[in-house]
Amino acid sequence: MTTTNKWTKTAEDLLLNRKIVKIEYMSKEECDQMYWDKRPVCMLLDNGVWIFPSQDDEGNNGGALFTTDNNEPCLPVL
């Protein structure tokens, strides 16, 4: 299995057919616990898993979410 296939399968297992049930920006306190100064938007899935963007895969800071929506092309960090 290629690296792409492995991570695609992992993402599918975690996210496919899930419903987003809550949206909120990460709190200042949560960011402080992670030593972040940027607050990303967070999504709670129907299985209790939270999803939130990071600037990199080492978790060095909160990240923005880009979209293909013409009216809202980016959900920024705060």
PDB file of N, CA and C in Angstrom:
ATOM      1  N   MET A   1       0.853  -1.184   0.000  1.00  0.00           N
ATOM      2  CA  MET A   1       0.000   0.000   0.000  1.00  0.00           C
ATOM      3  C   MET A   1       0.895   1.243   0.000  1.00  0.00           C
ATOM      4  N   THR A   2       0.583   2.195  -0.883  1.00  0.00           N
ATOM      5  CA  THR A   2       1.375   3.421  -0.939  1.00  0.00           C
ATOM      6  C   THR A   2       1.026   4.320   0.249  1.00  0.00           C
ATOM      7  N   THR A   3       1.889   5.267   0.504  1.00  0.00           N
ATOM      8  CA  THR A   3       1.643   6.229   1.583  1.00  0.00           C
ATOM      9  C   THR A   3       0.336   6.982   1.340  1.00  0.00           C
ATOM     10  N   THR A   4       0.104   7.402   0.106  1.00  0.00           N
ATOM     11  CA  THR A   4      -1.141   8.111  -0.222  1.00  0.00           C
ATOM     12  C   THR A   4      -2.348   7.236   0.047  1.00  0.00           C
ATOM     13  N   ASN A   5      -2.298   5.996  -0.386  1.00  0.00           N
ATOM     14  CA  ASN A   5      -3.422   5.085  -0.160  1.00  0.00           C
ATOM     15  C   ASN A   5      -3.663   4.850   1.325  1.00  0.00           C
ATOM     16  N   LYS A   6      -2.584   4.680   2.086  1.00  0.00           N
ATOM     17  CA  LYS A   6      -2.712   4.445   3.525  1.00  0.00           C
ATOM     18  C   LYS A   6      -3.405   5.617   4.210  1.00  0.00           C
ATOM     19  N   TRP A   7      -2.946   6.857   3.932  1.00  0.00           N
ATOM     20  CA  TRP A   7      -3.521   8.023   4.597  1.00  0.00           C
ATOM     21  C   TRP A   7      -4.912   8.351   4.065  1.00  0.00           C
ATOM     22  N   THR A   8      -5.185   8.056   2.782  1.00  0.00           N
ATOM     23  CA  THR A   8      -6.540   8.227   2.257  1.00  0.00           C
ATOM     24  C   THR A   8      -7.490   7.294   2.991  1.00  0.00           C
ATOM     25  N   LYS A   9      -7.097   6.047   3.183  1.00  0.00           N
ATOM     26  CA  LYS A   9      -7.915   5.065   3.911  1.00  0.00           C
ATOM     27  C   LYS A   9      -8.122   5.510   5.358  1.00  0.00           C
ATOM     28  N   THR A  10      -7.071   5.996   6.005  1.00  0.00           N
ATOM     29  CA  THR A  10      -7.179   6.482   7.380  1.00  0.00           C
ATOM     30  C   THR A  10      -8.176   7.638   7.466  1.00  0.00           C
ATOM     31  N   ALA A  11      -8.071   8.610   6.529  1.00  0.00           N
ATOM     32  CA  ALA A  11      -8.982   9.753   6.508  1.00  0.00           C
ATOM     33  C   ALA A  11     -10.415   9.312   6.237  1.00  0.00           C
ATOM     34  N   GLU A  12     -10.595   8.381   5.302  1.00  0.00           N
ATOM     35  CA  GLU A  12     -11.935   7.862   5.015  1.00  0.00           C
ATOM     36  C   GLU A  12     -12.541   7.198   6.250  1.00  0.00           C
ATOM     37  N   ASP A  13     -11.759   6.370   6.922  1.00  0.00           N
ATOM     38  CA  ASP A  13     -12.262   5.674   8.109  1.00  0.00           C
ATOM     39  C   ASP A  13     -12.685   6.665   9.193  1.00  0.00           C
ATOM     40  N   LEU A  14     -11.963   7.779   9.315  1.00  0.00           N
ATOM     41  CA  LEU A  14     -12.257   8.759  10.345  1.00  0.00           C
ATOM     42  C   LEU A  14     -13.390   9.710   9.964  1.00  0.00           C
ATOM     43  N   LEU A  15     -13.458  10.107   8.683  1.00  0.00           N
ATOM     44  CA  LEU A  15     -14.323  11.220   8.289  1.00  0.00           C
ATOM     45  C   LEU A  15     -15.501  10.886   7.380  1.00  0.00           C
ATOM     46  N   LEU A  16     -15.380   9.864   6.543  1.00  0.00           N
ATOM     47  CA  LEU A  16     -16.398   9.602   5.533  1.00  0.00           C
ATOM     48  C   LEU A  16     -17.742   9.280   6.175  1.00  0.00           C
ATOM     49  N   ASN A  17     -18.789   9.940   5.693  1.00  0.00           N
ATOM     50  CA  ASN A  17     -20.174   9.765   6.139  1.00  0.00           C
ATOM     51  C   ASN A  17     -20.427  10.255   7.557  1.00  0.00           C
ATOM     52  N   ARG A  18     -19.525  11.028   8.120  1.00  0.00           N
ATOM     53  CA  ARG A  18     -19.735  11.627   9.433  1.00  0.00           C
ATOM     54  C   ARG A  18     -20.496  12.935   9.257  1.00  0.00           C
ATOM     55  N   LYS A  19     -21.140  13.369  10.316  1.00  0.00           N
ATOM     56  CA  LYS A  19     -21.883  14.621  10.308  1.00  0.00           C
ATOM     57  C   LYS A  19     -21.212  15.582  11.276  1.00  0.00           C
ATOM     58  N   ILE A  20     -21.032  16.823  10.833  1.00  0.00           N
ATOM     59  CA  ILE A  20     -20.523  17.864  11.724  1.00  0.00           C
ATOM     60  C   ILE A  20     -21.703  18.326  12.574  1.00  0.00           C
ATOM     61  N   VAL A  21     -21.561  18.242  13.898  1.00  0.00           N
ATOM     62  CA  VAL A  21     -22.667  18.576  14.793  1.00  0.00           C
ATOM     63  C   VAL A  21     -22.439  19.861  15.580  1.00  0.00           C
ATOM     64  N   LYS A  22     -21.206  20.394  15.542  1.00  0.00           N
ATOM     65  CA  LYS A  22     -20.925  21.632  16.256  1.00  0.00           C
ATOM     66  C   LYS A  22     -19.704  22.294  15.638  1.00  0.00           C
ATOM     67  N   ILE A  23     -19.735  23.627  15.595  1.00  0.00           N
ATOM     68  CA  ILE A  23     -18.616  24.437  15.111  1.00  0.00           C
ATOM     69  C   ILE A  23     -18.332  25.496  16.160  1.00  0.00           C
ATOM     70  N   GLU A  24     -17.069  25.650  16.515  1.00  0.00           N
ATOM     71  CA  GLU A  24     -16.673  26.746  17.398  1.00  0.00           C
ATOM     72  C   GLU A  24     -15.190  27.010  17.204  1.00  0.00           C
ATOM     73  N   TYR A  25     -14.774  28.227  17.534  1.00  0.00           N
ATOM     74  CA  TYR A  25     -13.347  28.522  17.523  1.00  0.00           C
ATOM     75  C   TYR A  25     -12.732  27.999  18.813  1.00  0.00           C
ATOM     76  N   MET A  26     -11.502  27.496  18.714  1.00  0.00           N
ATOM     77  CA  MET A  26     -10.785  27.015  19.888  1.00  0.00           C
ATOM     78  C   MET A  26     -10.679  28.158  20.893  1.00  0.00           C
ATOM     79  N   SER A  27     -10.867  27.841  22.147  1.00  0.00           N
ATOM     80  CA  SER A  27     -10.813  28.876  23.181  1.00  0.00           C
ATOM     81  C   SER A  27      -9.370  29.312  23.429  1.00  0.00           C
ATOM     82  N   LYS A  28      -9.215  30.481  24.006  1.00  0.00           N
ATOM     83  CA  LYS A  28      -7.890  30.988  24.376  1.00  0.00           C
ATOM     84  C   LYS A  28      -7.213  30.013  25.332  1.00  0.00           C
ATOM     85  N   GLU A  29      -7.966  29.458  26.273  1.00  0.00           N
ATOM     86  CA  GLU A  29      -7.409  28.522  27.247  1.00  0.00           C
ATOM     87  C   GLU A  29      -6.898  27.247  26.570  1.00  0.00           C
ATOM     88  N   GLU A  30      -7.667  26.717  25.615  1.00  0.00           N
ATOM     89  CA  GLU A  30      -7.233  25.520  24.882  1.00  0.00           C
ATOM     90  C   GLU A  30      -5.969  25.812  24.078  1.00  0.00           C
ATOM     91  N   CYS A  31      -5.918  26.981  23.443  1.00  0.00           N
ATOM     92  CA  CYS A  31      -4.717  27.360  22.693  1.00  0.00           C
ATOM     93  C   CYS A  31      -3.518  27.494  23.625  1.00  0.00           C
ATOM     94  N   ASP A  32      -3.731  28.084  24.796  1.00  0.00           N
ATOM     95  CA  ASP A  32      -2.639  28.214  25.761  1.00  0.00           C
ATOM     96  C   ASP A  32      -2.090  26.848  26.158  1.00  0.00           C
ATOM     97  N   GLN A  33      -2.970  25.860  26.333  1.00  0.00           N
ATOM     98  CA  GLN A  33      -2.530  24.516  26.696  1.00  0.00           C
ATOM     99  C   GLN A  33      -1.658  23.895  25.609  1.00  0.00           C
ATOM    100  N   MET A  34      -1.891  24.296  24.355  1.00  0.00           N
ATOM    101  CA  MET A  34      -1.119  23.753  23.236  1.00  0.00           C
ATOM    102  C   MET A  34       0.051  24.669  22.867  1.00  0.00           C
ATOM    103  N   TYR A  35       0.205  25.776  23.603  1.00  0.00           N
ATOM    104  CA  TYR A  35       1.244  26.783  23.326  1.00  0.00           C
ATOM    105  C   TYR A  35       1.057  27.414  21.954  1.00  0.00           C
ATOM    106  N   TRP A  36      -0.200  27.623  21.586  1.00  0.00           N
ATOM    107  CA  TRP A  36      -0.544  28.266  20.321  1.00  0.00           C
ATOM    108  C   TRP A  36      -0.980  29.696  20.578  1.00  0.00           C
ATOM    109  N   ASP A  37      -0.727  30.586  19.601  1.00  0.00           N
ATOM    110  CA  ASP A  37      -1.241  31.948  19.694  1.00  0.00           C
ATOM    111  C   ASP A  37      -2.287  32.238  18.617  1.00  0.00           C
ATOM    112  N   LYS A  38      -2.601  31.241  17.802  1.00  0.00           N
ATOM    113  CA  LYS A  38      -3.638  31.374  16.772  1.00  0.00           C
ATOM    114  C   LYS A  38      -4.758  30.401  17.069  1.00  0.00           C
ATOM    115  N   ARG A  39      -6.004  30.907  17.064  1.00  0.00           N
ATOM    116  CA  ARG A  39      -7.180  30.099  17.402  1.00  0.00           C
ATOM    117  C   ARG A  39      -7.888  29.622  16.141  1.00  0.00           C
ATOM    118  N   PRO A  40      -7.834  28.310  15.822  1.00  0.00           N
ATOM    119  CA  PRO A  40      -8.497  27.791  14.631  1.00  0.00           C
ATOM    120  C   PRO A  40      -9.965  27.438  14.891  1.00  0.00           C
ATOM    121  N   VAL A  41     -10.718  27.337  13.808  1.00  0.00           N
ATOM    122  CA  VAL A  41     -12.081  26.844  13.889  1.00  0.00           C
ATOM    123  C   VAL A  41     -12.022  25.327  14.140  1.00  0.00           C
ATOM    124  N   CYS A  42     -12.940  24.823  14.964  1.00  0.00           N
ATOM    125  CA  CYS A  42     -12.977  23.404  15.330  1.00  0.00           C
ATOM    126  C   CYS A  42     -14.335  22.825  14.963  1.00  0.00           C
ATOM    127  N   MET A  43     -14.335  21.551  14.575  1.00  0.00           N
ATOM    128  CA  MET A  43     -15.563  20.870  14.180  1.00  0.00           C
ATOM    129  C   MET A  43     -15.726  19.608  15.013  1.00  0.00           C
ATOM    130  N   LEU A  44     -16.899  19.454  15.627  1.00  0.00           N
ATOM    131  CA  LEU A  44     -17.223  18.246  16.379  1.00  0.00           C
ATOM    132  C   LEU A  44     -18.043  17.331  15.485  1.00  0.00           C
ATOM    133  N   LEU A  45     -17.584  16.078  15.349  1.00  0.00           N
ATOM    134  CA  LEU A  45     -18.303  15.097  14.542  1.00  0.00           C
ATOM    135  C   LEU A  45     -19.297  14.326  15.394  1.00  0.00           C
ATOM    136  N   ASP A  46     -20.220  13.668  14.735  1.00  0.00           N
ATOM    137  CA  ASP A  46     -21.274  12.934  15.429  1.00  0.00           C
ATOM    138  C   ASP A  46     -20.761  11.736  16.232  1.00  0.00           C
ATOM    139  N   ASN A  47     -19.495  11.380  16.073  1.00  0.00           N
ATOM    140  CA  ASN A  47     -18.923  10.286  16.853  1.00  0.00           C
ATOM    141  C   ASN A  47     -18.088  10.785  18.028  1.00  0.00           C
ATOM    142  N   GLY A  48     -18.168  12.114  18.299  1.00  0.00           N
ATOM    143  CA  GLY A  48     -17.448  12.697  19.420  1.00  0.00           C
ATOM    144  C   GLY A  48     -16.029  13.131  19.114  1.00  0.00           C
ATOM    145  N   VAL A  49     -15.577  12.967  17.877  1.00  0.00           N
ATOM    146  CA  VAL A  49     -14.223  13.357  17.481  1.00  0.00           C
ATOM    147  C   VAL A  49     -14.218  14.832  17.083  1.00  0.00           C
ATOM    148  N   TRP A  50     -13.256  15.591  17.625  1.00  0.00           N
ATOM    149  CA  TRP A  50     -13.048  16.981  17.218  1.00  0.00           C
ATOM    150  C   TRP A  50     -12.008  17.019  16.109  1.00  0.00           C
ATOM    151  N   ILE A  51     -12.218  17.874  15.115  1.00  0.00           N
ATOM    152  CA  ILE A  51     -11.284  18.098  14.026  1.00  0.00           C
ATOM    153  C   ILE A  51     -10.914  19.577  14.041  1.00  0.00           C
ATOM    154  N   PHE A  52      -9.607  19.875  13.987  1.00  0.00           N
ATOM    155  CA  PHE A  52      -9.175  21.272  13.923  1.00  0.00           C
ATOM    156  C   PHE A  52      -7.878  21.356  13.136  1.00  0.00           C
ATOM    157  N   PRO A  53      -7.688  22.455  12.378  1.00  0.00           N
ATOM    158  CA  PRO A  53      -6.500  22.586  11.549  1.00  0.00           C
ATOM    159  C   PRO A  53      -5.294  23.081  12.341  1.00  0.00           C
ATOM    160  N   SER A  54      -4.138  22.627  11.906  1.00  0.00           N
ATOM    161  CA  SER A  54      -2.864  23.060  12.463  1.00  0.00           C
ATOM    162  C   SER A  54      -2.006  23.588  11.321  1.00  0.00           C
ATOM    163  N   GLN A  55      -1.071  24.463  11.626  1.00  0.00           N
ATOM    164  CA  GLN A  55      -0.232  25.020  10.560  1.00  0.00           C
ATOM    165  C   GLN A  55       0.683  23.974   9.939  1.00  0.00           C
ATOM    166  N   ASP A  56       0.938  22.876  10.666  1.00  0.00           N
ATOM    167  CA  ASP A  56       1.769  21.807  10.128  1.00  0.00           C
ATOM    168  C   ASP A  56       1.461  20.514  10.877  1.00  0.00           C
ATOM    169  N   ASP A  57       2.032  19.414  10.424  1.00  0.00           N
ATOM    170  CA  ASP A  57       1.719  18.129  11.050  1.00  0.00           C
ATOM    171  C   ASP A  57       2.474  17.896  12.358  1.00  0.00           C
ATOM    172  N   GLU A  58       3.243  18.877  12.797  1.00  0.00           N
ATOM    173  CA  GLU A  58       3.871  18.802  14.114  1.00  0.00           C
ATOM    174  C   GLU A  58       3.050  19.528  15.172  1.00  0.00           C
ATOM    175  N   GLY A  59       1.960  20.176  14.756  1.00  0.00           N
ATOM    176  CA  GLY A  59       1.071  20.854  15.696  1.00  0.00           C
ATOM    177  C   GLY A  59       1.651  22.135  16.270  1.00  0.00           C
ATOM    178  N   ASN A  60       2.362  22.913  15.439  1.00  0.00           N
ATOM    179  CA  ASN A  60       3.038  24.107  15.941  1.00  0.00           C
ATOM    180  C   ASN A  60       2.142  25.323  16.135  1.00  0.00           C
ATOM    181  N   ASN A  61       0.961  25.361  15.532  1.00  0.00           N
ATOM    182  CA  ASN A  61       0.029  26.470  15.742  1.00  0.00           C
ATOM    183  C   ASN A  61      -1.273  26.147  15.030  1.00  0.00           C
ATOM    184  N   GLY A  62      -2.309  26.910  15.357  1.00  0.00           N
ATOM    185  CA  GLY A  62      -3.593  26.728  14.699  1.00  0.00           C
ATOM    186  C   GLY A  62      -3.506  27.151  13.240  1.00  0.00           C
ATOM    187  N   GLY A  63      -4.362  26.576  12.406  1.00  0.00           N
ATOM    188  CA  GLY A  63      -4.333  26.879  10.980  1.00  0.00           C
ATOM    189  C   GLY A  63      -5.685  27.290  10.435  1.00  0.00           C
ATOM    190  N   ALA A  64      -5.668  27.926   9.281  1.00  0.00           N
ATOM    191  CA  ALA A  64      -6.873  28.353   8.580  1.00  0.00           C
ATOM    192  C   ALA A  64      -7.433  27.199   7.756  1.00  0.00           C
ATOM    193  N   LEU A  65      -8.724  27.294   7.441  1.00  0.00           N
ATOM    194  CA  LEU A  65      -9.379  26.339   6.543  1.00  0.00           C
ATOM    195  C   LEU A  65      -9.754  27.069   5.258  1.00  0.00           C
ATOM    196  N   PHE A  66      -9.221  26.627   4.147  1.00  0.00           N
ATOM    197  CA  PHE A  66      -9.597  27.191   2.854  1.00  0.00           C
ATOM    198  C   PHE A  66     -10.756  26.393   2.278  1.00  0.00           C
ATOM    199  N   THR A  67     -11.630  27.083   1.526  1.00  0.00           N
ATOM    200  CA  THR A  67     -12.791  26.442   0.930  1.00  0.00           C
ATOM    201  C   THR A  67     -12.844  26.772  -0.561  1.00  0.00           C
ATOM    202  N   THR A  68     -13.767  26.127  -1.257  1.00  0.00           N
ATOM    203  CA  THR A  68     -14.020  26.464  -2.656  1.00  0.00           C
ATOM    204  C   THR A  68     -15.280  27.308  -2.797  1.00  0.00           C
ATOM    205  N   ASP A  69     -15.816  27.791  -1.677  1.00  0.00           N
ATOM    206  CA  ASP A  69     -16.986  28.654  -1.675  1.00  0.00           C
ATOM    207  C   ASP A  69     -16.585  30.061  -2.112  1.00  0.00           C
ATOM    208  N   ASN A  70     -17.293  30.613  -3.099  1.00  0.00           N
ATOM    209  CA  ASN A  70     -16.954  31.945  -3.606  1.00  0.00           C
ATOM    210  C   ASN A  70     -17.153  33.043  -2.578  1.00  0.00           C
ATOM    211  N   ASN A  71     -18.117  32.891  -1.678  1.00  0.00           N
ATOM    212  CA  ASN A  71     -18.396  33.920  -0.679  1.00  0.00           C
ATOM    213  C   ASN A  71     -17.504  33.820   0.554  1.00  0.00           C
ATOM    214  N   GLU A  72     -17.090  32.620   0.902  1.00  0.00           N
ATOM    215  CA  GLU A  72     -16.243  32.396   2.080  1.00  0.00           C
ATOM    216  C   GLU A  72     -15.064  31.507   1.696  1.00  0.00           C
ATOM    217  N   PRO A  73     -14.052  32.067   1.024  1.00  0.00           N
ATOM    218  CA  PRO A  73     -12.935  31.229   0.575  1.00  0.00           C
ATOM    219  C   PRO A  73     -11.998  30.787   1.690  1.00  0.00           C
ATOM    220  N   CYS A  74     -12.118  31.397   2.880  1.00  0.00           N
ATOM    221  CA  CYS A  74     -11.218  31.035   3.979  1.00  0.00           C
ATOM    222  C   CYS A  74     -11.904  31.264   5.315  1.00  0.00           C
ATOM    223  N   LEU A  75     -11.790  30.260   6.203  1.00  0.00           N
ATOM    224  CA  LEU A  75     -12.168  30.441   7.602  1.00  0.00           C
ATOM    225  C   LEU A  75     -10.859  30.692   8.340  1.00  0.00           C
ATOM    226  N   PRO A  76     -10.621  31.940   8.787  1.00  0.00           N
ATOM    227  CA  PRO A  76      -9.304  32.327   9.292  1.00  0.00           C
ATOM    228  C   PRO A  76      -9.040  31.864  10.711  1.00  0.00           C
ATOM    229  N   VAL A  77      -7.779  31.932  11.104  1.00  0.00           N
ATOM    230  CA  VAL A  77      -7.431  31.783  12.514  1.00  0.00           C
ATOM    231  C   VAL A  77      -7.707  33.123  13.172  1.00  0.00           C
ATOM    232  N   LEU A  78      -7.970  33.097  14.467  1.00  0.00           N
ATOM    233  CA  LEU A  78      -8.231  34.333  15.205  1.00  0.00           C
ATOM    234  C   LEU A  78      -7.077  34.641  16.133  1.00  0.00           C
TER     235      LEU A  78
END
